[in-house]
N, C-alpha and C. Protein backbone atom coordinates (compact mmCIF):
# COMPACT_ATOMS: atom_id res chain seq x y z
N TRP A 1 -16.71 12.66 -0.94
CA TRP A 1 -15.90 12.14 0.15
C TRP A 1 -14.44 12.50 -0.07
N THR A 2 -13.66 12.52 1.03
CA THR A 2 -12.24 12.79 0.93
C THR A 2 -11.52 11.49 0.56
N LEU A 3 -10.27 11.64 0.16
CA LEU A 3 -9.50 10.46 -0.20
C LEU A 3 -9.33 9.53 1.00
N THR A 4 -9.06 10.11 2.17
CA THR A 4 -8.92 9.28 3.37
C THR A 4 -10.19 8.50 3.66
N GLN A 5 -11.34 9.16 3.53
CA GLN A 5 -12.61 8.47 3.74
C GLN A 5 -12.82 7.36 2.72
N GLY A 6 -12.47 7.65 1.46
CA GLY A 6 -12.63 6.64 0.41
C GLY A 6 -11.75 5.44 0.64
N ARG A 7 -10.51 5.67 1.02
CA ARG A 7 -9.60 4.55 1.29
C ARG A 7 -10.04 3.77 2.52
N ALA A 8 -10.46 4.50 3.57
CA ALA A 8 -10.91 3.82 4.77
C ALA A 8 -12.13 2.95 4.48
N ARG A 9 -13.07 3.47 3.70
CA ARG A 9 -14.27 2.71 3.34
C ARG A 9 -13.89 1.45 2.56
N MET A 10 -12.94 1.60 1.67
CA MET A 10 -12.53 0.48 0.83
C MET A 10 -11.91 -0.65 1.65
N VAL A 11 -10.99 -0.30 2.54
CA VAL A 11 -10.30 -1.34 3.30
C VAL A 11 -11.16 -1.90 4.43
N THR A 12 -12.02 -1.07 5.04
CA THR A 12 -12.87 -1.59 6.11
C THR A 12 -13.94 -2.52 5.57
N ARG A 13 -14.46 -2.24 4.37
CA ARG A 13 -15.42 -3.15 3.77
C ARG A 13 -14.78 -4.51 3.53
N TRP A 14 -13.56 -4.49 3.02
CA TRP A 14 -12.84 -5.74 2.80
C TRP A 14 -12.59 -6.46 4.13
N ALA A 15 -12.12 -5.72 5.15
CA ALA A 15 -11.81 -6.34 6.44
C ALA A 15 -13.06 -6.94 7.08
N ALA A 16 -14.17 -6.24 7.00
CA ALA A 16 -15.41 -6.75 7.59
C ALA A 16 -15.87 -8.02 6.89
N GLN A 17 -15.75 -8.04 5.57
CA GLN A 17 -16.15 -9.23 4.82
C GLN A 17 -15.27 -10.42 5.18
N GLN A 18 -13.97 -10.19 5.26
CA GLN A 18 -13.05 -11.27 5.61
C GLN A 18 -13.23 -11.69 7.06
N GLY A 19 -13.47 -10.71 7.95
CA GLY A 19 -13.64 -11.02 9.36
C GLY A 19 -14.88 -11.84 9.63
N ALA A 20 -15.90 -11.72 8.78
CA ALA A 20 -17.13 -12.50 8.96
C ALA A 20 -16.86 -14.00 8.86
N GLU A 21 -15.77 -14.37 8.20
CA GLU A 21 -15.42 -15.79 8.07
C GLU A 21 -14.74 -16.32 9.34
N GLY A 22 -14.38 -15.42 10.25
CA GLY A 22 -13.86 -15.85 11.55
C GLY A 22 -12.40 -16.21 11.60
N ARG A 23 -11.66 -16.00 10.53
CA ARG A 23 -10.25 -16.38 10.57
C ARG A 23 -9.37 -15.16 10.84
N ARG A 24 -8.18 -15.42 11.29
CA ARG A 24 -7.20 -14.37 11.56
C ARG A 24 -6.66 -13.83 10.24
N LEU A 25 -6.51 -12.52 10.16
CA LEU A 25 -5.99 -11.87 8.97
C LEU A 25 -4.65 -11.22 9.27
N GLU A 26 -3.72 -11.38 8.36
CA GLU A 26 -2.42 -10.72 8.46
C GLU A 26 -2.34 -9.65 7.39
N VAL A 27 -2.21 -8.39 7.81
CA VAL A 27 -2.19 -7.26 6.88
C VAL A 27 -0.91 -6.47 7.08
N LEU A 28 -0.31 -6.08 5.99
CA LEU A 28 0.89 -5.25 6.01
C LEU A 28 0.56 -3.87 5.44
N THR A 29 0.94 -2.81 6.14
CA THR A 29 0.84 -1.47 5.58
C THR A 29 2.24 -0.87 5.51
N ILE A 30 2.57 -0.33 4.36
CA ILE A 30 3.90 0.24 4.13
C ILE A 30 3.77 1.76 4.18
N GLY A 31 4.24 2.34 5.27
CA GLY A 31 4.08 3.78 5.48
C GLY A 31 2.71 4.10 6.06
N VAL A 32 2.69 4.89 7.11
CA VAL A 32 1.43 5.29 7.75
C VAL A 32 1.42 6.80 7.88
N GLN A 33 0.27 7.41 7.57
CA GLN A 33 0.14 8.86 7.72
C GLN A 33 -0.41 9.19 9.11
N ASP A 34 -1.72 9.22 9.27
CA ASP A 34 -2.29 9.56 10.57
C ASP A 34 -2.90 8.35 11.29
N GLY A 35 -2.90 7.19 10.65
CA GLY A 35 -3.43 5.99 11.29
C GLY A 35 -4.93 5.82 11.21
N ILE A 36 -5.64 6.76 10.57
CA ILE A 36 -7.10 6.68 10.51
C ILE A 36 -7.55 5.45 9.73
N ILE A 37 -6.95 5.22 8.58
CA ILE A 37 -7.34 4.10 7.74
C ILE A 37 -7.07 2.78 8.44
N GLU A 38 -5.88 2.66 9.00
CA GLU A 38 -5.50 1.42 9.67
C GLU A 38 -6.37 1.17 10.91
N GLY A 39 -6.69 2.24 11.65
CA GLY A 39 -7.54 2.10 12.82
C GLY A 39 -8.94 1.63 12.46
N ALA A 40 -9.48 2.16 11.39
CA ALA A 40 -10.81 1.74 10.94
C ALA A 40 -10.82 0.27 10.55
N MET A 41 -9.75 -0.17 9.92
CA MET A 41 -9.65 -1.57 9.50
C MET A 41 -9.54 -2.50 10.71
N LEU A 42 -8.75 -2.10 11.71
CA LEU A 42 -8.61 -2.91 12.91
C LEU A 42 -9.93 -3.01 13.68
N GLU A 43 -10.70 -1.93 13.69
CA GLU A 43 -12.00 -1.95 14.35
C GLU A 43 -12.98 -2.86 13.62
N ALA A 44 -12.89 -2.88 12.30
CA ALA A 44 -13.84 -3.66 11.50
C ALA A 44 -13.62 -5.16 11.63
N CYS A 45 -12.41 -5.56 11.99
CA CYS A 45 -12.10 -6.99 12.05
C CYS A 45 -11.27 -7.28 13.30
N PRO A 46 -11.89 -7.75 14.38
CA PRO A 46 -11.17 -7.98 15.64
C PRO A 46 -10.05 -9.01 15.55
N ARG A 47 -10.07 -9.86 14.54
CA ARG A 47 -9.03 -10.89 14.41
C ARG A 47 -7.97 -10.47 13.39
N LEU A 48 -7.89 -9.19 13.10
CA LEU A 48 -6.89 -8.69 12.15
C LEU A 48 -5.63 -8.27 12.89
N HIS A 49 -4.49 -8.74 12.42
CA HIS A 49 -3.19 -8.34 12.96
C HIS A 49 -2.49 -7.48 11.92
N LEU A 50 -1.98 -6.32 12.35
CA LEU A 50 -1.40 -5.36 11.42
C LEU A 50 0.11 -5.26 11.61
N THR A 51 0.84 -5.42 10.53
CA THR A 51 2.28 -5.17 10.52
C THR A 51 2.53 -3.85 9.83
N VAL A 52 3.21 -2.95 10.52
CA VAL A 52 3.48 -1.61 10.00
C VAL A 52 4.96 -1.49 9.68
N CYS A 53 5.27 -1.15 8.44
CA CYS A 53 6.65 -0.88 8.04
C CYS A 53 6.76 0.60 7.69
N ASP A 54 7.65 1.30 8.38
CA ASP A 54 7.76 2.74 8.21
C ASP A 54 9.21 3.14 8.45
N VAL A 55 9.60 4.28 7.86
CA VAL A 55 11.00 4.72 8.02
C VAL A 55 11.30 5.16 9.44
N ALA A 56 10.27 5.62 10.18
CA ALA A 56 10.49 6.06 11.56
C ALA A 56 9.22 5.84 12.37
N PRO A 57 8.84 4.58 12.62
CA PRO A 57 7.58 4.32 13.32
C PRO A 57 7.56 4.90 14.73
N GLN A 58 8.74 4.98 15.38
CA GLN A 58 8.78 5.49 16.74
C GLN A 58 8.46 6.98 16.81
N ALA A 59 8.59 7.69 15.67
CA ALA A 59 8.32 9.13 15.64
C ALA A 59 6.95 9.45 15.04
N ASN A 60 6.21 8.42 14.66
CA ASN A 60 4.91 8.61 14.02
C ASN A 60 3.81 8.51 15.07
N ARG A 61 3.16 9.63 15.32
CA ARG A 61 2.12 9.66 16.36
C ARG A 61 0.95 8.74 16.02
N GLY A 62 0.62 8.66 14.73
CA GLY A 62 -0.48 7.80 14.32
C GLY A 62 -0.21 6.34 14.63
N ILE A 63 1.03 5.90 14.42
CA ILE A 63 1.38 4.51 14.71
C ILE A 63 1.33 4.25 16.22
N GLU A 64 1.83 5.18 17.01
CA GLU A 64 1.82 5.00 18.46
C GLU A 64 0.39 4.93 18.99
N GLU A 65 -0.50 5.73 18.44
CA GLU A 65 -1.90 5.68 18.86
C GLU A 65 -2.54 4.34 18.50
N LEU A 66 -2.17 3.79 17.34
CA LEU A 66 -2.69 2.47 16.96
C LEU A 66 -2.23 1.41 17.96
N ARG A 67 -0.99 1.46 18.37
CA ARG A 67 -0.47 0.47 19.32
C ARG A 67 -1.17 0.58 20.66
N GLN A 68 -1.52 1.78 21.06
CA GLN A 68 -2.21 1.96 22.33
C GLN A 68 -3.67 1.52 22.26
N ARG A 69 -4.33 1.80 21.14
CA ARG A 69 -5.74 1.45 20.99
C ARG A 69 -5.94 -0.05 20.78
N PHE A 70 -4.96 -0.70 20.13
CA PHE A 70 -5.12 -2.11 19.78
C PHE A 70 -3.91 -2.89 20.28
N PRO A 71 -3.78 -3.04 21.59
CA PRO A 71 -2.59 -3.71 22.15
C PRO A 71 -2.47 -5.15 21.66
N GLY A 72 -1.25 -5.50 21.27
CA GLY A 72 -0.97 -6.85 20.81
C GLY A 72 -1.35 -7.12 19.37
N ARG A 73 -1.94 -6.13 18.69
CA ARG A 73 -2.40 -6.36 17.32
C ARG A 73 -1.64 -5.55 16.29
N VAL A 74 -0.70 -4.73 16.73
CA VAL A 74 0.07 -3.88 15.82
C VAL A 74 1.56 -4.12 16.05
N GLU A 75 2.23 -4.56 15.01
CA GLU A 75 3.66 -4.84 15.05
C GLU A 75 4.37 -3.85 14.12
N THR A 76 5.48 -3.29 14.57
CA THR A 76 6.17 -2.27 13.77
C THR A 76 7.58 -2.72 13.40
N HIS A 77 8.01 -2.26 12.22
CA HIS A 77 9.37 -2.52 11.75
C HIS A 77 9.91 -1.24 11.11
N VAL A 78 11.17 -0.94 11.40
CA VAL A 78 11.84 0.18 10.74
C VAL A 78 12.39 -0.30 9.40
N VAL A 79 12.13 0.45 8.34
CA VAL A 79 12.57 0.05 7.01
C VAL A 79 13.32 1.19 6.33
N LYS A 80 14.09 0.84 5.33
CA LYS A 80 14.77 1.81 4.48
C LYS A 80 13.97 1.93 3.19
N LEU A 81 13.33 3.06 3.02
CA LEU A 81 12.37 3.22 1.93
C LEU A 81 12.99 2.96 0.58
N ASN A 82 14.13 3.56 0.28
CA ASN A 82 14.71 3.45 -1.05
C ASN A 82 15.23 2.06 -1.36
N HIS A 83 15.49 1.26 -0.33
CA HIS A 83 16.00 -0.08 -0.56
C HIS A 83 14.87 -1.10 -0.74
N CYS A 84 13.64 -0.67 -0.55
CA CYS A 84 12.48 -1.57 -0.62
C CYS A 84 12.63 -2.74 0.35
N ASP A 85 13.33 -2.51 1.45
CA ASP A 85 13.54 -3.54 2.46
C ASP A 85 12.40 -3.45 3.47
N TRP A 86 11.22 -3.92 3.08
CA TRP A 86 10.00 -3.61 3.81
C TRP A 86 9.48 -4.71 4.69
N PHE A 87 9.96 -5.91 4.51
CA PHE A 87 9.23 -7.03 5.06
C PHE A 87 9.91 -7.60 6.30
N PRO A 88 9.11 -8.12 7.24
CA PRO A 88 9.67 -8.72 8.44
C PRO A 88 10.61 -9.86 8.09
N PRO A 89 11.52 -10.22 9.00
CA PRO A 89 12.48 -11.28 8.69
C PRO A 89 11.84 -12.65 8.48
N THR A 90 10.66 -12.89 9.06
CA THR A 90 9.99 -14.17 8.84
C THR A 90 9.34 -14.18 7.45
N PRO A 91 9.38 -15.32 6.77
CA PRO A 91 8.83 -15.40 5.40
C PRO A 91 7.31 -15.50 5.40
N GLU A 92 6.64 -14.54 6.00
CA GLU A 92 5.19 -14.60 6.15
C GLU A 92 4.49 -14.06 4.91
N LEU A 93 3.37 -14.70 4.56
CA LEU A 93 2.54 -14.19 3.48
C LEU A 93 1.36 -13.45 4.09
N PHE A 94 0.92 -12.37 3.42
CA PHE A 94 -0.12 -11.51 3.96
C PHE A 94 -1.43 -11.68 3.20
N ASP A 95 -2.53 -11.36 3.90
CA ASP A 95 -3.85 -11.40 3.29
C ASP A 95 -4.17 -10.10 2.56
N ALA A 96 -3.45 -9.04 2.87
CA ALA A 96 -3.61 -7.75 2.18
C ALA A 96 -2.38 -6.91 2.46
N ILE A 97 -2.06 -6.04 1.49
CA ILE A 97 -0.98 -5.06 1.66
C ILE A 97 -1.51 -3.71 1.24
N LEU A 98 -1.22 -2.68 2.05
CA LEU A 98 -1.63 -1.31 1.77
C LEU A 98 -0.40 -0.50 1.38
N LEU A 99 -0.49 0.20 0.27
CA LEU A 99 0.60 1.05 -0.20
C LEU A 99 0.00 2.38 -0.63
N PHE A 100 -0.14 3.30 0.31
CA PHE A 100 -0.80 4.58 0.05
C PHE A 100 0.23 5.71 0.04
N GLU A 101 0.36 6.36 -1.10
CA GLU A 101 1.30 7.46 -1.33
C GLU A 101 2.73 7.10 -0.94
N VAL A 102 3.18 5.95 -1.45
CA VAL A 102 4.56 5.51 -1.24
C VAL A 102 5.25 5.23 -2.57
N LEU A 103 4.51 4.68 -3.53
CA LEU A 103 5.11 4.25 -4.79
C LEU A 103 5.89 5.36 -5.48
N GLU A 104 5.38 6.59 -5.40
CA GLU A 104 6.01 7.71 -6.10
C GLU A 104 7.37 8.10 -5.51
N HIS A 105 7.67 7.63 -4.31
CA HIS A 105 8.94 7.95 -3.66
C HIS A 105 10.05 6.96 -4.01
N LEU A 106 9.72 5.88 -4.69
CA LEU A 106 10.65 4.78 -4.86
C LEU A 106 11.42 4.87 -6.16
N PRO A 107 12.73 4.63 -6.13
CA PRO A 107 13.52 4.67 -7.36
C PRO A 107 13.22 3.53 -8.32
N ASN A 108 12.69 2.43 -7.80
CA ASN A 108 12.38 1.27 -8.65
C ASN A 108 11.00 0.72 -8.27
N PRO A 109 9.93 1.36 -8.73
CA PRO A 109 8.58 0.92 -8.34
C PRO A 109 8.24 -0.47 -8.82
N GLY A 110 8.80 -0.88 -9.97
CA GLY A 110 8.52 -2.22 -10.46
C GLY A 110 9.05 -3.30 -9.53
N HIS A 111 10.24 -3.09 -9.00
CA HIS A 111 10.80 -4.04 -8.04
C HIS A 111 9.96 -4.09 -6.77
N ALA A 112 9.49 -2.93 -6.34
CA ALA A 112 8.65 -2.87 -5.14
C ALA A 112 7.37 -3.68 -5.32
N LEU A 113 6.72 -3.54 -6.49
CA LEU A 113 5.49 -4.28 -6.73
C LEU A 113 5.74 -5.78 -6.84
N ARG A 114 6.88 -6.17 -7.38
CA ARG A 114 7.22 -7.58 -7.43
C ARG A 114 7.37 -8.14 -6.02
N GLN A 115 8.03 -7.40 -5.13
CA GLN A 115 8.16 -7.83 -3.74
C GLN A 115 6.79 -7.98 -3.07
N ILE A 116 5.93 -7.02 -3.34
CA ILE A 116 4.59 -7.07 -2.75
C ILE A 116 3.85 -8.31 -3.23
N TYR A 117 3.92 -8.57 -4.53
CA TYR A 117 3.24 -9.75 -5.07
C TYR A 117 3.75 -11.03 -4.40
N ASP A 118 5.06 -11.11 -4.23
CA ASP A 118 5.65 -12.32 -3.67
C ASP A 118 5.33 -12.51 -2.19
N HIS A 119 4.85 -11.48 -1.52
CA HIS A 119 4.53 -11.59 -0.10
C HIS A 119 3.02 -11.64 0.16
N LEU A 120 2.25 -11.85 -0.88
CA LEU A 120 0.80 -11.97 -0.74
C LEU A 120 0.35 -13.41 -0.98
N ARG A 121 -0.66 -13.83 -0.24
CA ARG A 121 -1.27 -15.13 -0.51
C ARG A 121 -2.00 -15.08 -1.85
N PRO A 122 -2.31 -16.22 -2.45
CA PRO A 122 -3.07 -16.22 -3.71
C PRO A 122 -4.46 -15.61 -3.54
N ASN A 123 -4.88 -14.87 -4.53
CA ASN A 123 -6.24 -14.33 -4.61
C ASN A 123 -6.60 -13.44 -3.41
N VAL A 124 -5.68 -12.55 -3.03
CA VAL A 124 -5.95 -11.62 -1.94
C VAL A 124 -5.73 -10.19 -2.43
N GLN A 125 -5.84 -9.21 -1.52
CA GLN A 125 -5.96 -7.82 -1.92
C GLN A 125 -4.65 -7.02 -1.80
N PHE A 126 -4.50 -6.11 -2.75
CA PHE A 126 -3.45 -5.11 -2.70
C PHE A 126 -4.11 -3.75 -2.96
N PHE A 127 -3.99 -2.84 -1.98
CA PHE A 127 -4.60 -1.52 -2.08
C PHE A 127 -3.52 -0.48 -2.35
N LEU A 128 -3.78 0.41 -3.31
CA LEU A 128 -2.75 1.35 -3.77
C LEU A 128 -3.34 2.72 -4.03
N SER A 129 -2.60 3.76 -3.66
CA SER A 129 -2.90 5.11 -4.16
C SER A 129 -1.57 5.81 -4.42
N THR A 130 -1.54 6.65 -5.47
CA THR A 130 -0.32 7.34 -5.86
C THR A 130 -0.70 8.55 -6.71
N PRO A 131 0.09 9.64 -6.68
CA PRO A 131 -0.28 10.85 -7.43
C PRO A 131 -0.34 10.65 -8.94
N ILE A 132 -1.17 11.43 -9.58
CA ILE A 132 -1.29 11.44 -11.03
C ILE A 132 -0.19 12.33 -11.61
N ALA A 133 0.54 11.81 -12.57
CA ALA A 133 1.59 12.59 -13.22
C ALA A 133 1.01 13.77 -13.97
N SER A 134 1.78 14.84 -14.06
CA SER A 134 1.50 16.05 -14.84
C SER A 134 0.49 16.98 -14.18
N ARG A 135 -0.13 16.55 -13.05
CA ARG A 135 -1.05 17.45 -12.38
C ARG A 135 -0.28 18.45 -11.50
N TRP A 136 0.53 17.90 -10.61
CA TRP A 136 1.36 18.78 -9.79
C TRP A 136 2.72 18.17 -9.52
N VAL A 137 2.88 16.87 -9.73
CA VAL A 137 4.14 16.22 -9.42
C VAL A 137 5.25 16.68 -10.36
N GLU A 138 4.98 16.64 -11.67
CA GLU A 138 6.03 17.00 -12.62
C GLU A 138 6.43 18.48 -12.52
N PRO A 139 5.48 19.43 -12.43
CA PRO A 139 5.89 20.82 -12.21
C PRO A 139 6.66 21.00 -10.92
N TYR A 140 6.26 20.25 -9.89
CA TYR A 140 6.95 20.34 -8.60
C TYR A 140 8.40 19.88 -8.74
N LEU A 141 8.61 18.76 -9.43
CA LEU A 141 9.96 18.26 -9.62
C LEU A 141 10.80 19.23 -10.45
N ALA A 142 10.18 19.86 -11.43
CA ALA A 142 10.91 20.79 -12.29
C ALA A 142 11.43 21.99 -11.50
N ASP A 143 10.74 22.36 -10.44
CA ASP A 143 11.15 23.51 -9.64
C ASP A 143 12.21 23.18 -8.60
N LEU A 144 12.43 21.90 -8.35
CA LEU A 144 13.39 21.52 -7.32
C LEU A 144 14.82 21.67 -7.84
N LYS A 145 15.65 22.39 -7.10
CA LYS A 145 17.05 22.52 -7.47
C LYS A 145 17.90 21.44 -6.80
N ASP A 146 17.40 20.87 -5.74
CA ASP A 146 18.17 19.88 -5.00
C ASP A 146 17.26 18.73 -4.57
N PRO A 147 16.77 17.93 -5.54
CA PRO A 147 15.86 16.84 -5.19
C PRO A 147 16.55 15.81 -4.32
N ARG A 148 15.80 15.26 -3.35
CA ARG A 148 16.33 14.27 -2.44
C ARG A 148 15.52 12.99 -2.55
N PRO A 149 16.07 11.87 -2.02
CA PRO A 149 15.41 10.57 -2.22
C PRO A 149 13.98 10.50 -1.73
N TRP A 150 13.60 11.33 -0.74
CA TRP A 150 12.24 11.21 -0.23
C TRP A 150 11.24 12.04 -1.03
N TRP A 151 11.69 12.81 -2.02
CA TRP A 151 10.74 13.51 -2.88
C TRP A 151 10.10 12.51 -3.84
N HIS A 152 9.16 13.00 -4.60
CA HIS A 152 8.50 12.13 -5.59
C HIS A 152 9.44 11.92 -6.77
N VAL A 153 9.92 10.72 -6.93
CA VAL A 153 10.85 10.44 -8.02
C VAL A 153 10.19 9.72 -9.18
N HIS A 154 9.01 9.16 -8.97
CA HIS A 154 8.28 8.49 -10.06
C HIS A 154 6.80 8.83 -9.95
N ALA A 155 6.28 9.53 -10.94
CA ALA A 155 4.84 9.77 -11.02
C ALA A 155 4.28 8.97 -12.19
N GLN A 156 3.01 8.59 -12.09
CA GLN A 156 2.43 7.69 -13.08
C GLN A 156 1.26 8.34 -13.80
N ASN A 157 1.14 8.03 -15.10
CA ASN A 157 -0.09 8.34 -15.82
C ASN A 157 -0.91 7.06 -15.88
N PRO A 158 -2.16 7.11 -16.34
CA PRO A 158 -3.00 5.90 -16.29
C PRO A 158 -2.38 4.69 -16.99
N THR A 159 -1.80 4.91 -18.16
CA THR A 159 -1.24 3.79 -18.91
C THR A 159 -0.02 3.20 -18.22
N SER A 160 0.89 4.05 -17.77
CA SER A 160 2.12 3.55 -17.16
C SER A 160 1.82 2.82 -15.85
N LEU A 161 0.89 3.35 -15.07
CA LEU A 161 0.59 2.69 -13.80
C LEU A 161 -0.11 1.36 -14.02
N TRP A 162 -1.07 1.33 -14.92
CA TRP A 162 -1.77 0.07 -15.18
C TRP A 162 -0.81 -0.98 -15.72
N ASN A 163 0.07 -0.60 -16.65
CA ASN A 163 1.04 -1.55 -17.19
C ASN A 163 1.99 -2.05 -16.11
N LEU A 164 2.38 -1.15 -15.22
CA LEU A 164 3.29 -1.52 -14.14
C LEU A 164 2.65 -2.54 -13.21
N VAL A 165 1.42 -2.29 -12.82
CA VAL A 165 0.72 -3.18 -11.90
C VAL A 165 0.41 -4.52 -12.58
N TRP A 166 -0.09 -4.45 -13.81
CA TRP A 166 -0.47 -5.68 -14.53
C TRP A 166 0.74 -6.57 -14.78
N SER A 167 1.86 -5.97 -15.17
CA SER A 167 3.05 -6.76 -15.50
C SER A 167 3.66 -7.44 -14.27
N ARG A 168 3.30 -6.98 -13.08
CA ARG A 168 3.80 -7.61 -11.86
C ARG A 168 2.85 -8.65 -11.31
N GLY A 169 1.79 -8.98 -12.04
CA GLY A 169 0.95 -10.10 -11.66
C GLY A 169 -0.38 -9.77 -11.03
N PHE A 170 -0.80 -8.49 -11.07
CA PHE A 170 -2.05 -8.10 -10.42
C PHE A 170 -3.15 -7.85 -11.45
N THR A 171 -4.37 -8.09 -11.03
CA THR A 171 -5.55 -7.68 -11.79
C THR A 171 -6.43 -6.87 -10.85
N GLY A 172 -7.31 -6.03 -11.41
CA GLY A 172 -8.17 -5.25 -10.53
C GLY A 172 -8.70 -4.01 -11.19
N THR A 173 -8.99 -3.00 -10.36
CA THR A 173 -9.57 -1.75 -10.85
C THR A 173 -8.72 -0.57 -10.41
N LEU A 174 -8.72 0.46 -11.26
CA LEU A 174 -7.96 1.67 -11.00
C LEU A 174 -8.81 2.86 -11.41
N CYS A 175 -8.91 3.85 -10.53
CA CYS A 175 -9.67 5.04 -10.87
C CYS A 175 -8.87 6.28 -10.49
N ALA A 176 -9.18 7.39 -11.15
CA ALA A 176 -8.54 8.66 -10.84
C ALA A 176 -9.47 9.48 -9.96
N VAL A 177 -8.97 9.93 -8.83
CA VAL A 177 -9.74 10.80 -7.93
C VAL A 177 -9.35 12.23 -8.27
N GLU A 178 -10.14 12.87 -9.14
CA GLU A 178 -9.77 14.17 -9.70
C GLU A 178 -9.56 15.22 -8.62
N LYS A 179 -10.41 15.22 -7.62
CA LYS A 179 -10.33 16.24 -6.57
C LYS A 179 -9.01 16.18 -5.83
N GLU A 180 -8.47 14.97 -5.69
CA GLU A 180 -7.24 14.78 -4.92
C GLU A 180 -6.01 14.64 -5.80
N ASP A 181 -6.19 14.60 -7.13
CA ASP A 181 -5.08 14.39 -8.06
C ASP A 181 -4.33 13.10 -7.75
N LEU A 182 -5.08 12.03 -7.49
CA LEU A 182 -4.48 10.77 -7.14
C LEU A 182 -5.19 9.62 -7.85
N PHE A 183 -4.42 8.55 -8.07
CA PHE A 183 -5.01 7.29 -8.48
C PHE A 183 -5.34 6.48 -7.24
N LEU A 184 -6.43 5.72 -7.30
CA LEU A 184 -6.81 4.83 -6.22
C LEU A 184 -7.16 3.49 -6.84
N GLY A 185 -6.53 2.44 -6.36
CA GLY A 185 -6.77 1.14 -6.96
C GLY A 185 -6.88 0.03 -5.94
N THR A 186 -7.64 -0.99 -6.28
CA THR A 186 -7.70 -2.22 -5.50
C THR A 186 -7.45 -3.38 -6.45
N PHE A 187 -6.51 -4.23 -6.10
CA PHE A 187 -6.07 -5.29 -6.99
C PHE A 187 -6.03 -6.62 -6.27
N THR A 188 -6.06 -7.69 -7.04
CA THR A 188 -5.88 -9.03 -6.50
C THR A 188 -4.71 -9.68 -7.22
N THR A 189 -4.13 -10.67 -6.56
CA THR A 189 -3.05 -11.42 -7.19
C THR A 189 -3.64 -12.31 -8.27
N ALA A 190 -3.03 -12.27 -9.44
CA ALA A 190 -3.54 -13.05 -10.57
C ALA A 190 -3.29 -14.54 -10.34
N PRO A 191 -4.09 -15.41 -11.00
CA PRO A 191 -3.81 -16.85 -10.94
C PRO A 191 -2.39 -17.13 -11.37
N LYS A 192 -1.78 -18.13 -10.78
CA LYS A 192 -0.36 -18.40 -11.01
C LYS A 192 -0.04 -18.65 -12.48
N ALA A 193 -0.92 -19.35 -13.18
CA ALA A 193 -0.64 -19.64 -14.58
C ALA A 193 -0.58 -18.36 -15.40
N ALA A 194 -1.52 -17.45 -15.16
CA ALA A 194 -1.54 -16.19 -15.90
C ALA A 194 -0.34 -15.34 -15.53
N GLU A 195 0.03 -15.35 -14.25
CA GLU A 195 1.16 -14.55 -13.81
C GLU A 195 2.46 -15.07 -14.41
N GLN A 196 2.60 -16.40 -14.50
CA GLN A 196 3.80 -16.97 -15.07
C GLN A 196 3.91 -16.61 -16.55
N ALA A 197 2.79 -16.58 -17.25
CA ALA A 197 2.80 -16.19 -18.66
C ALA A 197 3.30 -14.76 -18.83
N ARG A 198 2.95 -13.89 -17.90
CA ARG A 198 3.40 -12.49 -17.98
C ARG A 198 4.90 -12.41 -17.78
N ARG A 199 5.43 -13.23 -16.87
CA ARG A 199 6.88 -13.22 -16.64
C ARG A 199 7.62 -13.73 -17.87
N ASP A 200 7.01 -14.72 -18.54
CA ASP A 200 7.67 -15.30 -19.73
C ASP A 200 7.59 -14.34 -20.91
């Protein structure tokens, strides 16, 4: 399967399971590519409301198609990627957050993950994918004479990524998708007592 298919399968299975309980779900996705994954999730759970944070949602065809296909269920916000200013002004907690191929662009990924943790309800899902360091990211950076903020500024190896996620309060699974040179992970928010111990 392709990475897009794998991610779509992962999030739609979760959405269908949660939707079977009949409650409304609030999901945040940070950055959208073609909207395939988000569309599959919205189809799987009719009571799911999606908040999209993107640097230019008005110019993203995938986001516009989602708004047309699912009227009233997709809310968009313009964000500044490097500032990690991703969240709506209301102090809402989410049932899931999607962060696919965004972490590597951020100057402070640890701060980003802390923000994500703080905006999730207890015992809910965080879905992540990010490139594997040393496969193509590091050689690519070495060839750049004029790197800019939207390039990949942080690539992760298995140990660094797991430590980063764990230290911010998440538990879960992480696998390497060799064909795509990417990590793919699904995590849950750790119990508060365990998370507080990590902070201490």
